[in-house]
Structure formats: structure tokens, C-alpha cells
Amino acid sequence: MAEHKHGSMDIRVQEKTFEGFIRMVIWGAGISIATLIFMALVNG
């Protein structure tokens, strides 16, 4: 079995995926909040 050296793994792909996930969550939350505000203004 190969020896594991802590901190030697290339994690650029994982970091890029996580960045995309966070961006998607922020956009989704923003769109949801905007939709709720729009619905409150139209119905209220």
C-alpha cells in the first residue's frame, strides 16, 4: 500500500466544484427571496 503524505493531494477540482455549488445556492436563495417579495407585493 502506498504511503499517504498529508497535504499532497491536488484538490483544485474539488475546490472548483464547491465554488460552483456555493454560487448555485446563493443564486437559488436570491431568486427565491425575490419571488416571495414579488408575490407579497402583487397579492398585498
C-alpha atoms as a PDB file:
ATOM      1  CA  MET A   1       0.000   0.000   0.000  1.00  0.00           C
ATOM      2  CA  ALA A   2       1.252   3.490  -0.852  1.00  0.00           C
ATOM      3  CA  GLU A   3       2.278   5.875   1.865  1.00  0.00           C
ATOM      4  CA  HIS A   4      -0.078   8.799   2.378  1.00  0.00           C
ATOM      5  CA  LYS A   5       1.517  12.236   2.670  1.00  0.00           C
ATOM      6  CA  HIS A   6      -0.807  14.746   4.308  1.00  0.00           C
ATOM      7  CA  GLY A   7      -1.458  17.780   2.111  1.00  0.00           C
ATOM      8  CA  SER A   8      -0.082  16.290  -1.096  1.00  0.00           C
ATOM      9  CA  MET A   9      -3.389  15.688  -2.887  1.00  0.00           C
ATOM     10  CA  ASP A  10      -4.421  18.009  -5.732  1.00  0.00           C
ATOM     11  CA  ILE A  11      -7.824  19.399  -4.715  1.00  0.00           C
ATOM     12  CA  ARG A  12      -8.331  22.045  -7.411  1.00  0.00           C
ATOM     13  CA  VAL A  13     -11.247  20.136  -8.962  1.00  0.00           C
ATOM     14  CA  GLN A  14     -12.989  19.733  -5.598  1.00  0.00           C
ATOM     15  CA  GLU A  15     -12.498  23.419  -4.792  1.00  0.00           C
ATOM     16  CA  LYS A  16     -13.927  24.431  -8.174  1.00  0.00           C
ATOM     17  CA  THR A  17     -16.934  22.134  -7.673  1.00  0.00           C
ATOM     18  CA  PHE A  18     -17.553  23.542  -4.185  1.00  0.00           C
ATOM     19  CA  GLU A  19     -17.297  27.104  -5.526  1.00  0.00           C
ATOM     20  CA  GLY A  20     -19.913  26.282  -8.168  1.00  0.00           C
ATOM     21  CA  PHE A  21     -22.182  24.718  -5.557  1.00  0.00           C
ATOM     22  CA  ILE A  22     -21.968  27.778  -3.299  1.00  0.00           C
ATOM     23  CA  ARG A  23     -22.665  30.082  -6.254  1.00  0.00           C
ATOM     24  CA  MET A  24     -25.725  27.979  -7.193  1.00  0.00           C
ATOM     25  CA  VAL A  25     -27.055  28.087  -3.605  1.00  0.00           C
ATOM     26  CA  ILE A  26     -26.629  31.872  -3.401  1.00  0.00           C
ATOM     27  CA  TRP A  27     -28.408  32.397  -6.747  1.00  0.00           C
ATOM     28  CA  GLY A  28     -31.188  29.997  -5.733  1.00  0.00           C
ATOM     29  CA  ALA A  29     -31.731  31.769  -2.423  1.00  0.00           C
ATOM     30  CA  GLY A  30     -31.743  35.169  -4.117  1.00  0.00           C
ATOM     31  CA  ILE A  31     -34.271  34.075  -6.719  1.00  0.00           C
ATOM     32  CA  SER A  32     -36.472  32.513  -4.028  1.00  0.00           C
ATOM     33  CA  ILE A  33     -36.409  35.677  -1.905  1.00  0.00           C
ATOM     34  CA  ALA A  34     -37.126  37.861  -4.944  1.00  0.00           C
ATOM     35  CA  THR A  35     -40.054  35.610  -5.891  1.00  0.00           C
ATOM     36  CA  LEU A  36     -41.506  35.800  -2.387  1.00  0.00           C
ATOM     37  CA  ILE A  37     -41.186  39.592  -2.319  1.00  0.00           C
ATOM     38  CA  PHE A  38     -42.822  39.848  -5.750  1.00  0.00           C
ATOM     39  CA  MET A  39     -45.687  37.590  -4.659  1.00  0.00           C
ATOM     40  CA  ALA A  40     -46.212  39.657  -1.479  1.00  0.00           C
ATOM     41  CA  LEU A  41     -46.329  42.901  -3.466  1.00  0.00           C
ATOM     42  CA  VAL A  42     -48.719  41.525  -6.084  1.00  0.00           C
ATOM     43  CA  ASN A  43     -51.113  39.963  -3.534  1.00  0.00           C
ATOM     44  CA  GLY A  44     -50.901  42.615  -0.920  1.00  0.00           C
END
